[in-house]
Amino acid sequence: MTEDRPARPSDIARAALDAARAASAARPQPTRRRIAGPRRAWTGPRPGADDPQPLGRLVDSLVTDQDWTTRTRVGAVFGRWSALVGPEIAAHCRPQTLTEGELLVVAESTAWATQLRLLAPSILGKLHAQVGGDVVTRLRVVGPTAPSWKKGPRSVRGRGPRDTYG
């Protein structure tokens, strides 16, 4: 630059950039240490196994890995009963037990038990479609029962609990 002409801002910026480049080139470059072990493979545009996953996908993979599929299907019968059979039917009955493919359904009255026995094929069809075909194979519908004093697999004939009161 000459003394007779004032420095332009672009000349000042260019001189500062050249000075910074020279200082950077004079500084020693750090050496990179190589980490022992397998090198990470980049997954690309889709998520990898170590990326954050939605909770539903993680639960599905856990159920599959632990082989809990039949237990979750059985739980779905009891947990989603109203959604599976419809709110009108679910308001008048509830599932009691599921053993060896037989679902025991307790109705609130004998009239509803008769109605549910007539609707059993359609209820089984809904269960097969939404839960799976091998979970519920038979449907047994019972009406309301009086409380039973019989406990355990063996019983003795007699008057029941009244004979202990004197």
Protein backbone atom coordinates (compact mmCIF):
# COMPACT_ATOMS: atom_id res chain seq x y z
CA MET A 1 0.00 0.00 0.00
CA THR A 2 1.17 3.47 -0.66
CA GLU A 3 1.27 6.30 1.81
CA ASP A 4 -0.65 8.70 -0.35
CA ARG A 5 -3.76 6.52 -0.65
CA PRO A 6 -5.89 5.51 2.42
CA ALA A 7 -6.38 1.74 3.05
CA ARG A 8 -9.65 0.30 1.86
CA PRO A 9 -11.64 -2.04 4.14
CA SER A 10 -11.28 -4.92 1.66
CA ASP A 11 -7.48 -4.52 1.72
CA ILE A 12 -7.47 -4.63 5.53
CA ALA A 13 -9.63 -7.79 5.55
CA ARG A 14 -7.44 -9.48 2.92
CA ALA A 15 -4.29 -8.70 4.93
CA ALA A 16 -5.88 -10.10 8.14
CA LEU A 17 -6.93 -13.28 6.30
CA ASP A 18 -3.43 -13.79 4.89
CA ALA A 19 -1.94 -13.32 8.37
CA ALA A 20 -4.35 -15.87 9.88
CA ARG A 21 -3.55 -18.43 7.17
CA ALA A 22 0.18 -17.97 7.72
CA ALA A 23 -0.22 -18.40 11.51
CA SER A 24 -2.30 -21.52 11.02
CA ALA A 25 0.21 -23.06 8.62
CA ALA A 26 3.09 -22.36 11.07
CA ARG A 27 1.33 -24.09 13.98
CA PRO A 28 2.04 -27.85 14.35
CA GLN A 29 -0.89 -30.08 13.38
CA PRO A 30 -2.22 -32.45 16.07
CA THR A 31 -1.80 -36.13 15.37
CA ARG A 32 -4.89 -38.27 15.44
CA ARG A 33 -4.78 -41.32 17.61
CA ARG A 34 -6.26 -44.41 16.08
CA ILE A 35 -8.73 -46.14 18.39
CA ALA A 36 -8.41 -49.89 18.45
CA GLY A 37 -11.54 -51.84 17.63
CA PRO A 38 -14.05 -52.03 14.84
CA ARG A 39 -14.70 -48.93 12.90
CA ARG A 40 -18.23 -47.58 12.96
CA ALA A 41 -20.16 -48.30 9.83
CA TRP A 42 -22.41 -45.44 8.86
CA THR A 43 -26.02 -46.40 8.40
CA GLY A 44 -26.86 -43.95 5.69
CA PRO A 45 -30.17 -42.13 5.42
CA ARG A 46 -32.18 -44.64 7.45
CA PRO A 47 -31.93 -45.07 11.23
CA GLY A 48 -29.51 -47.65 12.58
CA ALA A 49 -29.78 -49.93 15.60
CA ASP A 50 -27.90 -47.49 17.82
CA ASP A 51 -30.01 -44.47 16.81
CA PRO A 52 -32.96 -43.37 18.96
CA GLN A 53 -36.01 -45.49 18.15
CA PRO A 54 -39.74 -44.98 18.70
CA LEU A 55 -40.98 -46.70 21.86
CA GLY A 56 -43.47 -48.90 20.00
CA ARG A 57 -40.75 -50.33 17.77
CA LEU A 58 -38.55 -51.07 20.80
CA VAL A 59 -41.39 -52.85 22.61
CA ASP A 60 -42.19 -54.90 19.48
CA SER A 61 -38.56 -55.98 19.14
CA LEU A 62 -38.41 -56.86 22.86
CA VAL A 63 -41.57 -58.98 22.59
CA THR A 64 -40.15 -60.76 19.55
CA ASP A 65 -36.71 -61.29 21.08
CA GLN A 66 -38.10 -62.64 24.37
CA ASP A 67 -40.76 -64.77 22.60
CA TRP A 68 -43.64 -63.12 24.47
CA THR A 69 -45.96 -63.05 21.46
CA THR A 70 -48.48 -65.58 22.80
CA ARG A 71 -48.57 -63.88 26.21
CA THR A 72 -49.20 -60.49 24.66
CA ARG A 73 -51.97 -61.92 22.51
CA VAL A 74 -53.63 -63.49 25.55
CA GLY A 75 -53.26 -60.18 27.37
CA ALA A 76 -54.83 -58.41 24.40
CA VAL A 77 -57.96 -60.55 24.74
CA PHE A 78 -58.44 -59.42 28.34
CA GLY A 79 -57.09 -55.88 28.01
CA ARG A 80 -58.89 -54.92 24.79
CA TRP A 81 -62.09 -56.91 25.34
CA SER A 82 -64.36 -53.92 24.75
CA ALA A 83 -62.60 -52.99 21.50
CA LEU A 84 -62.54 -56.60 20.28
CA VAL A 85 -66.20 -57.52 20.79
CA GLY A 86 -67.76 -54.06 20.78
CA PRO A 87 -68.94 -51.85 23.63
CA GLU A 88 -72.54 -53.19 23.64
CA ILE A 89 -71.51 -56.80 24.16
CA ALA A 90 -68.67 -55.90 26.54
CA ALA A 91 -71.08 -54.00 28.78
CA HIS A 92 -72.94 -57.24 29.55
CA CYS A 93 -70.12 -59.80 29.81
CA ARG A 94 -66.47 -60.15 30.73
CA PRO A 95 -63.78 -62.73 30.01
CA GLN A 96 -62.89 -64.84 33.02
CA THR A 97 -60.17 -67.35 32.05
CA LEU A 98 -58.35 -68.56 28.97
CA THR A 99 -56.99 -72.10 29.25
CA GLU A 100 -55.84 -74.26 26.37
CA GLY A 101 -57.65 -72.12 23.81
CA GLU A 102 -61.00 -72.08 25.65
CA LEU A 103 -62.19 -68.63 26.71
CA LEU A 104 -64.65 -68.61 29.59
CA VAL A 105 -67.00 -65.62 29.36
CA VAL A 106 -69.30 -64.71 32.26
CA ALA A 107 -72.54 -62.96 31.30
CA GLU A 108 -74.45 -60.65 33.62
CA SER A 109 -77.72 -62.55 33.20
CA THR A 110 -78.96 -65.85 31.82
CA ALA A 111 -80.67 -63.99 28.96
CA TRP A 112 -77.34 -62.45 27.95
CA ALA A 113 -75.65 -65.83 28.29
CA THR A 114 -78.15 -67.28 25.80
CA GLN A 115 -77.64 -64.33 23.46
CA LEU A 116 -73.82 -64.68 23.67
CA ARG A 117 -74.05 -68.40 22.89
CA LEU A 118 -75.90 -67.47 19.70
CA LEU A 119 -73.28 -64.80 18.90
CA ALA A 120 -70.33 -67.10 19.70
CA PRO A 121 -69.33 -67.77 16.05
CA SER A 122 -69.20 -64.07 15.21
CA ILE A 123 -67.30 -63.26 18.44
CA LEU A 124 -64.80 -66.02 17.64
CA GLY A 125 -64.43 -64.59 14.13
CA LYS A 126 -63.64 -61.14 15.55
CA LEU A 127 -61.10 -62.62 17.98
CA HIS A 128 -59.45 -64.66 15.21
CA ALA A 129 -59.18 -61.60 12.96
CA GLN A 130 -57.84 -59.15 15.53
CA VAL A 131 -55.81 -61.30 17.95
CA GLY A 132 -54.87 -64.40 16.01
CA GLY A 133 -56.39 -67.75 15.17
CA ASP A 134 -54.54 -69.93 17.64
CA VAL A 135 -55.21 -67.95 20.83
CA VAL A 136 -58.96 -68.54 21.27
CA THR A 137 -60.33 -71.71 19.67
CA ARG A 138 -63.49 -72.25 21.76
CA LEU A 139 -65.85 -69.91 23.56
CA ARG A 140 -67.71 -71.10 26.66
CA VAL A 141 -70.40 -68.77 27.95
CA VAL A 142 -71.86 -69.10 31.43
CA GLY A 143 -74.45 -67.08 33.26
CA PRO A 144 -74.10 -65.56 36.70
CA THR A 145 -73.63 -68.06 39.47
CA ALA A 146 -74.27 -67.99 43.16
CA PRO A 147 -71.18 -67.95 45.36
CA SER A 148 -69.71 -71.38 45.81
CA TRP A 149 -68.53 -72.67 49.16
CA LYS A 150 -66.60 -75.44 47.48
CA LYS A 151 -62.86 -74.86 47.74
CA GLY A 152 -60.25 -77.06 46.11
CA PRO A 153 -60.56 -80.11 43.89
CA ARG A 154 -62.19 -82.37 46.55
CA SER A 155 -65.40 -81.84 48.46
CA VAL A 156 -67.59 -83.67 50.92
CA ARG A 157 -71.33 -83.92 50.39
CA GLY A 158 -73.36 -82.29 53.07
CA ARG A 159 -75.20 -79.15 53.97
CA GLY A 160 -72.24 -76.87 53.36
CA PRO A 161 -71.27 -74.00 55.63
CA ARG A 162 -74.54 -74.14 57.62
CA ASP A 163 -73.50 -77.31 59.44
CA THR A 164 -70.71 -75.44 61.22
CA TYR A 165 -73.02 -72.88 62.82
CA GLY A 166 -74.57 -75.19 65.34
